[in-house]
All heavy atoms as atom14 arrays in JSON, in Angstrom:
{
  "sequence": "GVVGDVPDVIKKIEYAQLKNKPVDGHAPGLRGEALKKYVSYGIST",
  "atom14_mask": [
    [1, 1, 1, 1, 0, 0, 0, 0, 0, 0, 0, 0, 0, 0],
    [1, 1, 1, 1, 1, 1, 1, 0, 0, 0, 0, 0, 0, 0],
    [1, 1, 1, 1, 1, 1, 1, 0, 0, 0, 0, 0, 0, 0],
    [1, 1, 1, 1, 0, 0, 0, 0, 0, 0, 0, 0, 0, 0],
    [1, 1, 1, 1, 1, 1, 1, 1, 0, 0, 0, 0, 0, 0],
    [1, 1, 1, 1, 1, 1, 1, 0, 0, 0, 0, 0, 0, 0],
    [1, 1, 1, 1, 1, 1, 1, 0, 0, 0, 0, 0, 0, 0],
    [1, 1, 1, 1, 1, 1, 1, 1, 0, 0, 0, 0, 0, 0],
    [1, 1, 1, 1, 1, 1, 1, 0, 0, 0, 0, 0, 0, 0],
    [1, 1, 1, 1, 1, 1, 1, 1, 0, 0, 0, 0, 0, 0],
    [1, 1, 1, 1, 1, 1, 1, 1, 1, 0, 0, 0, 0, 0],
    [1, 1, 1, 1, 1, 1, 1, 1, 1, 0, 0, 0, 0, 0],
    [1, 1, 1, 1, 1, 1, 1, 1, 0, 0, 0, 0, 0, 0],
    [1, 1, 1, 1, 1, 1, 1, 1, 1, 0, 0, 0, 0, 0],
    [1, 1, 1, 1, 1, 1, 1, 1, 1, 1, 1, 1, 0, 0],
    [1, 1, 1, 1, 1, 0, 0, 0, 0, 0, 0, 0, 0, 0],
    [1, 1, 1, 1, 1, 1, 1, 1, 1, 0, 0, 0, 0, 0],
    [1, 1, 1, 1, 1, 1, 1, 1, 0, 0, 0, 0, 0, 0],
    [1, 1, 1, 1, 1, 1, 1, 1, 1, 0, 0, 0, 0, 0],
    [1, 1, 1, 1, 1, 1, 1, 1, 0, 0, 0, 0, 0, 0],
    [1, 1, 1, 1, 1, 1, 1, 1, 1, 0, 0, 0, 0, 0],
    [1, 1, 1, 1, 1, 1, 1, 0, 0, 0, 0, 0, 0, 0],
    [1, 1, 1, 1, 1, 1, 1, 0, 0, 0, 0, 0, 0, 0],
    [1, 1, 1, 1, 1, 1, 1, 1, 0, 0, 0, 0, 0, 0],
    [1, 1, 1, 1, 0, 0, 0, 0, 0, 0, 0, 0, 0, 0],
    [1, 1, 1, 1, 1, 1, 1, 1, 1, 1, 0, 0, 0, 0],
    [1, 1, 1, 1, 1, 0, 0, 0, 0, 0, 0, 0, 0, 0],
    [1, 1, 1, 1, 1, 1, 1, 0, 0, 0, 0, 0, 0, 0],
    [1, 1, 1, 1, 0, 0, 0, 0, 0, 0, 0, 0, 0, 0],
    [1, 1, 1, 1, 1, 1, 1, 1, 0, 0, 0, 0, 0, 0],
    [1, 1, 1, 1, 1, 1, 1, 1, 1, 1, 1, 0, 0, 0],
    [1, 1, 1, 1, 0, 0, 0, 0, 0, 0, 0, 0, 0, 0],
    [1, 1, 1, 1, 1, 1, 1, 1, 1, 0, 0, 0, 0, 0],
    [1, 1, 1, 1, 1, 0, 0, 0, 0, 0, 0, 0, 0, 0],
    [1, 1, 1, 1, 1, 1, 1, 1, 0, 0, 0, 0, 0, 0],
    [1, 1, 1, 1, 1, 1, 1, 1, 1, 0, 0, 0, 0, 0],
    [1, 1, 1, 1, 1, 1, 1, 1, 1, 0, 0, 0, 0, 0],
    [1, 1, 1, 1, 1, 1, 1, 1, 1, 1, 1, 1, 0, 0],
    [1, 1, 1, 1, 1, 1, 1, 0, 0, 0, 0, 0, 0, 0],
    [1, 1, 1, 1, 1, 1, 0, 0, 0, 0, 0, 0, 0, 0],
    [1, 1, 1, 1, 1, 1, 1, 1, 1, 1, 1, 1, 0, 0],
    [1, 1, 1, 1, 0, 0, 0, 0, 0, 0, 0, 0, 0, 0],
    [1, 1, 1, 1, 1, 1, 1, 1, 0, 0, 0, 0, 0, 0],
    [1, 1, 1, 1, 1, 1, 0, 0, 0, 0, 0, 0, 0, 0],
    [1, 1, 1, 1, 1, 1, 1, 0, 0, 0, 0, 0, 0, 0]
  ],
  "atom14_positions": [
    [[61.73, -30.54, 31.77], [61.22, -29.63, 32.79], [60.47, -28.46, 32.2], [59.47, -27.99, 32.77], [0.0, 0.0, 0.0], [0.0, 0.0, 0.0], [0.0, 0.0, 0.0], [0.0, 0.0, 0.0], [0.0, 0.0, 0.0], [0.0, 0.0, 0.0], [0.0, 0.0, 0.0], [0.0, 0.0, 0.0], [0.0, 0.0, 0.0], [0.0, 0.0, 0.0]],
    [[60.92, -27.99, 31.03], [60.21, -26.89, 30.36], [58.86, -27.38, 29.84], [57.82, -26.77, 30.09], [61.05, -26.33, 29.2], [60.28, -25.24, 28.46], [62.38, -25.79, 29.7], [0.0, 0.0, 0.0], [0.0, 0.0, 0.0], [0.0, 0.0, 0.0], [0.0, 0.0, 0.0], [0.0, 0.0, 0.0], [0.0, 0.0, 0.0], [0.0, 0.0, 0.0]],
    [[58.89, -28.5, 29.13], [57.66, -29.05, 28.56], [56.67, -29.44, 29.65], [55.46, -29.31, 29.5], [57.99, -30.27, 27.66], [56.73, -30.93, 27.14], [58.87, -29.82, 26.48], [0.0, 0.0, 0.0], [0.0, 0.0, 0.0], [0.0, 0.0, 0.0], [0.0, 0.0, 0.0], [0.0, 0.0, 0.0], [0.0, 0.0, 0.0], [0.0, 0.0, 0.0]],
    [[57.21, -29.87, 30.8], [56.36, -30.28, 31.91], [56.01, -29.16, 32.86], [55.42, -29.42, 33.92], [0.0, 0.0, 0.0], [0.0, 0.0, 0.0], [0.0, 0.0, 0.0], [0.0, 0.0, 0.0], [0.0, 0.0, 0.0], [0.0, 0.0, 0.0], [0.0, 0.0, 0.0], [0.0, 0.0, 0.0], [0.0, 0.0, 0.0], [0.0, 0.0, 0.0]],
    [[56.38, -27.92, 32.53], [56.04, -26.75, 33.36], [56.53, -26.88, 34.8], [55.84, -26.49, 35.75], [54.52, -26.52, 33.37], [53.94, -26.26, 31.99], [54.47, -25.4, 31.28], [52.97, -26.95, 31.61], [0.0, 0.0, 0.0], [0.0, 0.0, 0.0], [0.0, 0.0, 0.0], [0.0, 0.0, 0.0], [0.0, 0.0, 0.0], [0.0, 0.0, 0.0]],
    [[57.73, -27.38, 34.98], [58.31, -27.48, 36.32], [58.57, -26.07, 36.84], [59.27, -25.28, 36.2], [59.61, -28.3, 36.29], [60.3, -28.28, 37.65], [59.31, -29.73, 35.86], [0.0, 0.0, 0.0], [0.0, 0.0, 0.0], [0.0, 0.0, 0.0], [0.0, 0.0, 0.0], [0.0, 0.0, 0.0], [0.0, 0.0, 0.0], [0.0, 0.0, 0.0]],
    [[58.03, -25.7, 37.99], [58.07, -24.3, 38.45], [59.46, -23.68, 38.52], [59.66, -22.55, 38.05], [57.42, -24.38, 39.84], [56.48, -25.54, 39.74], [57.2, -26.54, 38.88], [0.0, 0.0, 0.0], [0.0, 0.0, 0.0], [0.0, 0.0, 0.0], [0.0, 0.0, 0.0], [0.0, 0.0, 0.0], [0.0, 0.0, 0.0], [0.0, 0.0, 0.0]],
    [[60.44, -24.38, 39.1], [61.77, -23.79, 39.23], [62.43, -23.56, 37.87], [63.16, -22.58, 37.69], [62.67, -24.69, 40.08], [62.42, -24.5, 41.57], [61.54, -23.69, 41.92], [63.09, -25.16, 42.37], [0.0, 0.0, 0.0], [0.0, 0.0, 0.0], [0.0, 0.0, 0.0], [0.0, 0.0, 0.0], [0.0, 0.0, 0.0], [0.0, 0.0, 0.0]],
    [[62.15, -24.44, 36.92], [62.69, -24.3, 35.57], [62.06, -23.08, 34.89], [62.76, -22.25, 34.29], [62.44, -25.57, 34.74], [62.86, -25.36, 33.29], [63.18, -26.75, 35.35], [0.0, 0.0, 0.0], [0.0, 0.0, 0.0], [0.0, 0.0, 0.0], [0.0, 0.0, 0.0], [0.0, 0.0, 0.0], [0.0, 0.0, 0.0], [0.0, 0.0, 0.0]],
    [[60.77, -22.97, 34.98], [60.06, -21.85, 34.34], [60.46, -20.52, 34.97], [60.58, -19.5, 34.27], [58.53, -22.06, 34.43], [58.15, -23.4, 33.77], [57.8, -20.9, 33.77], [58.63, -23.58, 32.36], [0.0, 0.0, 0.0], [0.0, 0.0, 0.0], [0.0, 0.0, 0.0], [0.0, 0.0, 0.0], [0.0, 0.0, 0.0], [0.0, 0.0, 0.0]],
    [[60.7, -20.51, 36.28], [61.12, -19.27, 36.94], [62.4, -18.73, 36.34], [62.56, -17.51, 36.13], [61.33, -19.52, 38.44], [60.07, -19.47, 39.28], [60.44, -19.65, 40.75], [59.2, -19.67, 41.63], [59.55, -19.87, 43.06], [0.0, 0.0, 0.0], [0.0, 0.0, 0.0], [0.0, 0.0, 0.0], [0.0, 0.0, 0.0], [0.0, 0.0, 0.0]],
    [[63.35, -19.6, 36.07], [64.62, -19.16, 35.5], [64.41, -18.51, 34.14], [65.01, -17.48, 33.83], [65.59, -20.36, 35.37], [66.01, -20.95, 36.71], [66.85, -22.21, 36.51], [67.21, -22.86, 37.83], [67.99, -24.1, 37.68], [0.0, 0.0, 0.0], [0.0, 0.0, 0.0], [0.0, 0.0, 0.0], [0.0, 0.0, 0.0], [0.0, 0.0, 0.0]],
    [[63.55, -19.09, 33.32], [63.25, -18.52, 32.01], [62.56, -17.17, 32.18], [62.89, -16.19, 31.49], [62.38, -19.48, 31.19], [63.15, -20.77, 30.89], [61.92, -18.83, 29.89], [62.32, -21.85, 30.23], [0.0, 0.0, 0.0], [0.0, 0.0, 0.0], [0.0, 0.0, 0.0], [0.0, 0.0, 0.0], [0.0, 0.0, 0.0], [0.0, 0.0, 0.0]],
    [[61.62, -17.09, 33.1], [60.88, -15.83, 33.31], [61.81, -14.73, 33.8], [61.65, -13.56, 33.41], [59.75, -16.07, 34.31], [58.62, -16.92, 33.73], [57.56, -17.27, 34.74], [57.81, -17.11, 35.96], [56.46, -17.7, 34.33], [0.0, 0.0, 0.0], [0.0, 0.0, 0.0], [0.0, 0.0, 0.0], [0.0, 0.0, 0.0], [0.0, 0.0, 0.0]],
    [[62.79, -15.07, 34.63], [63.74, -14.06, 35.09], [64.55, -13.51, 33.93], [64.84, -12.3, 33.87], [64.68, -14.66, 36.15], [64.03, -14.92, 37.48], [64.49, -15.96, 38.3], [62.96, -14.15, 37.95], [63.89, -16.22, 39.54], [62.37, -14.42, 39.17], [62.83, -15.45, 39.96], [62.25, -15.7, 41.19], [0.0, 0.0, 0.0], [0.0, 0.0, 0.0]],
    [[64.92, -14.37, 32.99], [65.65, -13.89, 31.81], [64.77, -12.98, 30.97], [65.23, -11.93, 30.48], [66.12, -15.08, 30.98], [0.0, 0.0, 0.0], [0.0, 0.0, 0.0], [0.0, 0.0, 0.0], [0.0, 0.0, 0.0], [0.0, 0.0, 0.0], [0.0, 0.0, 0.0], [0.0, 0.0, 0.0], [0.0, 0.0, 0.0], [0.0, 0.0, 0.0]],
    [[63.52, -13.35, 30.81], [62.61, -12.54, 30.0], [62.34, -11.19, 30.64], [62.21, -10.17, 29.95], [61.32, -13.31, 29.77], [61.51, -14.54, 28.88], [60.32, -15.47, 28.84], [59.5, -15.48, 29.76], [60.2, -16.26, 27.78], [0.0, 0.0, 0.0], [0.0, 0.0, 0.0], [0.0, 0.0, 0.0], [0.0, 0.0, 0.0], [0.0, 0.0, 0.0]],
    [[62.27, -11.15, 31.98], [62.08, -9.88, 32.68], [63.24, -8.92, 32.43], [63.06, -7.71, 32.38], [61.93, -10.12, 34.18], [60.57, -10.66, 34.65], [60.63, -11.04, 36.13], [59.47, -9.63, 34.42], [0.0, 0.0, 0.0], [0.0, 0.0, 0.0], [0.0, 0.0, 0.0], [0.0, 0.0, 0.0], [0.0, 0.0, 0.0], [0.0, 0.0, 0.0]],
    [[64.43, -9.48, 32.24], [65.62, -8.65, 31.96], [65.85, -8.49, 30.47], [66.85, -7.91, 30.05], [66.85, -9.29, 32.61], [66.76, -9.42, 34.13], [66.56, -8.09, 34.83], [67.76, -7.2, 34.7], [67.62, -5.94, 35.47], [0.0, 0.0, 0.0], [0.0, 0.0, 0.0], [0.0, 0.0, 0.0], [0.0, 0.0, 0.0], [0.0, 0.0, 0.0]],
    [[64.92, -9.0, 29.65], [65.02, -8.91, 28.19], [66.32, -9.52, 27.68], [66.99, -8.97, 26.8], [64.9, -7.45, 27.73], [64.61, -7.33, 26.25], [63.98, -8.21, 25.65], [65.1, -6.26, 25.64], [0.0, 0.0, 0.0], [0.0, 0.0, 0.0], [0.0, 0.0, 0.0], [0.0, 0.0, 0.0], [0.0, 0.0, 0.0], [0.0, 0.0, 0.0]],
    [[66.65, -10.7, 28.25], [67.86, -11.4, 27.84], [67.49, -12.71, 27.16], [66.55, -13.39, 27.59], [68.77, -11.64, 29.05], [69.3, -10.32, 29.63], [70.26, -10.53, 30.79], [70.8, -9.17, 31.26], [71.77, -9.31, 32.37], [0.0, 0.0, 0.0], [0.0, 0.0, 0.0], [0.0, 0.0, 0.0], [0.0, 0.0, 0.0], [0.0, 0.0, 0.0]],
    [[68.18, -13.07, 26.08], [67.84, -14.29, 25.33], [67.96, -15.55, 26.19], [68.72, -15.59, 27.17], [68.86, -14.31, 24.19], [69.41, -12.92, 24.11], [69.33, -12.36, 25.49], [0.0, 0.0, 0.0], [0.0, 0.0, 0.0], [0.0, 0.0, 0.0], [0.0, 0.0, 0.0], [0.0, 0.0, 0.0], [0.0, 0.0, 0.0], [0.0, 0.0, 0.0]],
    [[67.22, -16.58, 25.79], [67.28, -17.89, 26.45], [67.8, -18.9, 25.43], [67.18, -19.11, 24.39], [65.91, -18.33, 26.97], [66.01, -19.7, 27.65], [65.34, -17.29, 27.94], [0.0, 0.0, 0.0], [0.0, 0.0, 0.0], [0.0, 0.0, 0.0], [0.0, 0.0, 0.0], [0.0, 0.0, 0.0], [0.0, 0.0, 0.0], [0.0, 0.0, 0.0]],
    [[68.92, -19.51, 25.74], [69.51, -20.51, 24.85], [68.86, -21.87, 25.08], [68.5, -22.22, 26.2], [71.01, -20.63, 25.1], [71.82, -19.71, 24.21], [71.23, -18.95, 23.44], [73.07, -19.75, 24.28], [0.0, 0.0, 0.0], [0.0, 0.0, 0.0], [0.0, 0.0, 0.0], [0.0, 0.0, 0.0], [0.0, 0.0, 0.0], [0.0, 0.0, 0.0]],
    [[68.75, -22.63, 23.98], [68.16, -23.95, 24.06], [69.18, -25.07, 23.99], [70.35, -24.86, 23.65], [0.0, 0.0, 0.0], [0.0, 0.0, 0.0], [0.0, 0.0, 0.0], [0.0, 0.0, 0.0], [0.0, 0.0, 0.0], [0.0, 0.0, 0.0], [0.0, 0.0, 0.0], [0.0, 0.0, 0.0], [0.0, 0.0, 0.0], [0.0, 0.0, 0.0]],
    [[68.7, -26.26, 24.31], [69.48, -27.5, 24.21], [68.44, -28.61, 24.19], [67.96, -29.04, 25.24], [70.41, -27.64, 25.42], [71.1, -28.98, 25.5], [72.46, -29.12, 25.38], [70.62, -30.22, 25.71], [72.78, -30.4, 25.52], [71.67, -31.09, 25.72], [0.0, 0.0, 0.0], [0.0, 0.0, 0.0], [0.0, 0.0, 0.0], [0.0, 0.0, 0.0]],
    [[68.07, -29.04, 22.99], [66.96, -30.0, 22.89], [67.24, -31.01, 21.78], [66.58, -31.01, 20.75], [65.66, -29.26, 22.62], [0.0, 0.0, 0.0], [0.0, 0.0, 0.0], [0.0, 0.0, 0.0], [0.0, 0.0, 0.0], [0.0, 0.0, 0.0], [0.0, 0.0, 0.0], [0.0, 0.0, 0.0], [0.0, 0.0, 0.0], [0.0, 0.0, 0.0]],
    [[68.21, -31.91, 22.0], [68.53, -32.88, 20.94], [67.36, -33.8, 20.63], [66.81, -34.45, 21.52], [69.71, -33.67, 21.55], [69.6, -33.45, 23.03], [69.04, -32.09, 23.19], [0.0, 0.0, 0.0], [0.0, 0.0, 0.0], [0.0, 0.0, 0.0], [0.0, 0.0, 0.0], [0.0, 0.0, 0.0], [0.0, 0.0, 0.0], [0.0, 0.0, 0.0]],
    [[66.97, -33.8, 19.35], [65.92, -34.71, 18.9], [64.5, -34.29, 19.24], [63.55, -34.99, 18.87], [0.0, 0.0, 0.0], [0.0, 0.0, 0.0], [0.0, 0.0, 0.0], [0.0, 0.0, 0.0], [0.0, 0.0, 0.0], [0.0, 0.0, 0.0], [0.0, 0.0, 0.0], [0.0, 0.0, 0.0], [0.0, 0.0, 0.0], [0.0, 0.0, 0.0]],
    [[64.31, -33.17, 19.9], [62.96, -32.75, 20.29], [62.18, -32.28, 19.06], [62.65, -31.41, 18.32], [63.03, -31.63, 21.33], [61.72, -31.31, 22.06], [61.26, -32.5, 22.89], [61.9, -30.07, 22.94], [0.0, 0.0, 0.0], [0.0, 0.0, 0.0], [0.0, 0.0, 0.0], [0.0, 0.0, 0.0], [0.0, 0.0, 0.0], [0.0, 0.0, 0.0]],
    [[61.02, -32.84, 18.83], [60.22, -32.55, 17.64], [58.75, -32.43, 18.03], [58.34, -32.69, 19.16], [60.37, -33.68, 16.61], [61.8, -34.07, 16.22], [62.46, -33.07, 15.32], [61.81, -32.97, 14.04], [62.1, -33.72, 12.97], [63.04, -34.66, 13.06], [61.49, -33.56, 11.81], [0.0, 0.0, 0.0], [0.0, 0.0, 0.0], [0.0, 0.0, 0.0]],
    [[57.93, -32.02, 17.07], [56.49, -32.07, 17.22], [55.93, -31.15, 18.29], [56.43, -30.03, 18.51], [0.0, 0.0, 0.0], [0.0, 0.0, 0.0], [0.0, 0.0, 0.0], [0.0, 0.0, 0.0], [0.0, 0.0, 0.0], [0.0, 0.0, 0.0], [0.0, 0.0, 0.0], [0.0, 0.0, 0.0], [0.0, 0.0, 0.0], [0.0, 0.0, 0.0]],
    [[54.87, -31.61, 18.96], [54.17, -30.78, 19.93], [55.05, -30.43, 21.13], [54.95, -29.33, 21.68], [52.9, -31.5, 20.41], [51.85, -31.65, 19.32], [51.45, -30.31, 18.71], [51.2, -29.35, 19.48], [51.4, -30.22, 17.46], [0.0, 0.0, 0.0], [0.0, 0.0, 0.0], [0.0, 0.0, 0.0], [0.0, 0.0, 0.0], [0.0, 0.0, 0.0]],
    [[55.91, -31.37, 21.54], [56.81, -31.08, 22.65], [57.76, -29.95, 22.3], [58.04, -29.06, 23.13], [57.58, -32.33, 23.04], [0.0, 0.0, 0.0], [0.0, 0.0, 0.0], [0.0, 0.0, 0.0], [0.0, 0.0, 0.0], [0.0, 0.0, 0.0], [0.0, 0.0, 0.0], [0.0, 0.0, 0.0], [0.0, 0.0, 0.0], [0.0, 0.0, 0.0]],
    [[58.24, -29.93, 21.06], [59.11, -28.85, 20.62], [58.36, -27.52, 20.61], [58.89, -26.49, 21.06], [59.66, -29.16, 19.23], [60.48, -28.04, 18.56], [61.72, -27.7, 19.38], [60.88, -28.44, 17.14], [0.0, 0.0, 0.0], [0.0, 0.0, 0.0], [0.0, 0.0, 0.0], [0.0, 0.0, 0.0], [0.0, 0.0, 0.0], [0.0, 0.0, 0.0]],
    [[57.15, -27.52, 20.11], [56.35, -26.28, 20.09], [56.17, -25.73, 21.5], [56.25, -24.51, 21.72], [55.0, -26.54, 19.43], [55.06, -26.81, 17.94], [53.68, -27.09, 17.37], [53.75, -27.42, 15.88], [52.4, -27.76, 15.33], [0.0, 0.0, 0.0], [0.0, 0.0, 0.0], [0.0, 0.0, 0.0], [0.0, 0.0, 0.0], [0.0, 0.0, 0.0]],
    [[55.92, -26.62, 22.45], [55.75, -26.19, 23.84], [57.07, -25.6, 24.36], [57.08, -24.55, 25.02], [55.32, -27.39, 24.7], [55.17, -27.11, 26.18], [53.92, -26.3, 26.48], [53.72, -26.12, 27.99], [53.39, -27.39, 28.66], [0.0, 0.0, 0.0], [0.0, 0.0, 0.0], [0.0, 0.0, 0.0], [0.0, 0.0, 0.0], [0.0, 0.0, 0.0]],
    [[58.15, -26.26, 24.07], [59.48, -25.81, 24.52], [59.78, -24.42, 23.96], [60.17, -23.5, 24.7], [60.5, -26.83, 24.03], [61.94, -26.59, 24.42], [62.37, -26.73, 25.73], [62.89, -26.29, 23.44], [63.71, -26.55, 26.06], [64.23, -26.12, 23.76], [64.63, -26.25, 25.08], [65.97, -26.08, 25.41], [0.0, 0.0, 0.0], [0.0, 0.0, 0.0]],
    [[59.57, -24.24, 22.67], [59.87, -22.96, 22.02], [58.92, -21.86, 22.49], [59.3, -20.68, 22.57], [59.81, -23.12, 20.49], [59.93, -21.77, 19.79], [60.92, -24.07, 20.02], [0.0, 0.0, 0.0], [0.0, 0.0, 0.0], [0.0, 0.0, 0.0], [0.0, 0.0, 0.0], [0.0, 0.0, 0.0], [0.0, 0.0, 0.0], [0.0, 0.0, 0.0]],
    [[57.7, -22.21, 22.86], [56.71, -21.21, 23.29], [57.16, -20.46, 24.53], [56.65, -19.36, 24.82], [55.36, -21.88, 23.55], [55.38, -22.65, 24.75], [0.0, 0.0, 0.0], [0.0, 0.0, 0.0], [0.0, 0.0, 0.0], [0.0, 0.0, 0.0], [0.0, 0.0, 0.0], [0.0, 0.0, 0.0], [0.0, 0.0, 0.0], [0.0, 0.0, 0.0]],
    [[58.09, -21.01, 25.27], [58.6, -20.32, 26.46], [59.72, -19.34, 26.13], [60.35, -18.79, 27.03], [59.1, -21.34, 27.48], [58.0, -21.84, 28.4], [57.46, -23.11, 28.24], [57.49, -21.03, 29.41], [56.45, -23.56, 29.08], [56.48, -21.47, 30.26], [55.97, -22.74, 30.09], [54.97, -23.17, 30.93], [0.0, 0.0, 0.0], [0.0, 0.0, 0.0]],
    [[59.95, -19.11, 24.86], [60.95, -18.11, 24.48], [62.33, -18.68, 24.23], [63.3, -17.91, 24.13], [0.0, 0.0, 0.0], [0.0, 0.0, 0.0], [0.0, 0.0, 0.0], [0.0, 0.0, 0.0], [0.0, 0.0, 0.0], [0.0, 0.0, 0.0], [0.0, 0.0, 0.0], [0.0, 0.0, 0.0], [0.0, 0.0, 0.0], [0.0, 0.0, 0.0]],
    [[62.45, -20.0, 24.12], [63.74, -20.6, 23.78], [64.13, -20.13, 22.38], [63.37, -20.3, 21.43], [63.68, -22.13, 23.82], [63.09, -22.62, 25.15], [65.05, -22.72, 23.55], [63.9, -22.32, 26.37], [0.0, 0.0, 0.0], [0.0, 0.0, 0.0], [0.0, 0.0, 0.0], [0.0, 0.0, 0.0], [0.0, 0.0, 0.0], [0.0, 0.0, 0.0]],
    [[65.32, -19.56, 22.22], [65.62, -18.87, 20.97], [66.72, -19.49, 20.14], [66.93, -19.08, 18.99], [66.0, -17.41, 21.28], [67.17, -17.35, 22.08], [0.0, 0.0, 0.0], [0.0, 0.0, 0.0], [0.0, 0.0, 0.0], [0.0, 0.0, 0.0], [0.0, 0.0, 0.0], [0.0, 0.0, 0.0], [0.0, 0.0, 0.0], [0.0, 0.0, 0.0]],
    [[67.45, -20.47, 20.68], [68.55, -21.09, 19.92], [68.58, -22.59, 20.19], [67.97, -23.08, 21.15], [69.93, -20.52, 20.32], [70.24, -20.92, 21.66], [69.96, -19.0, 20.21], [0.0, 0.0, 0.0], [0.0, 0.0, 0.0], [0.0, 0.0, 0.0], [0.0, 0.0, 0.0], [0.0, 0.0, 0.0], [0.0, 0.0, 0.0], [0.0, 0.0, 0.0]]
  ]
}
């Protein structure tokens, strides 16, 4: 959902960023360009 820019998913991340709160990740096996896109949204762990 993050990599695919699903609106409801991105909204949750943006709400965390507005409050300056970290965003935890969960991306088993994610590599390459998809990983770069995922991390670009501020995923920090």
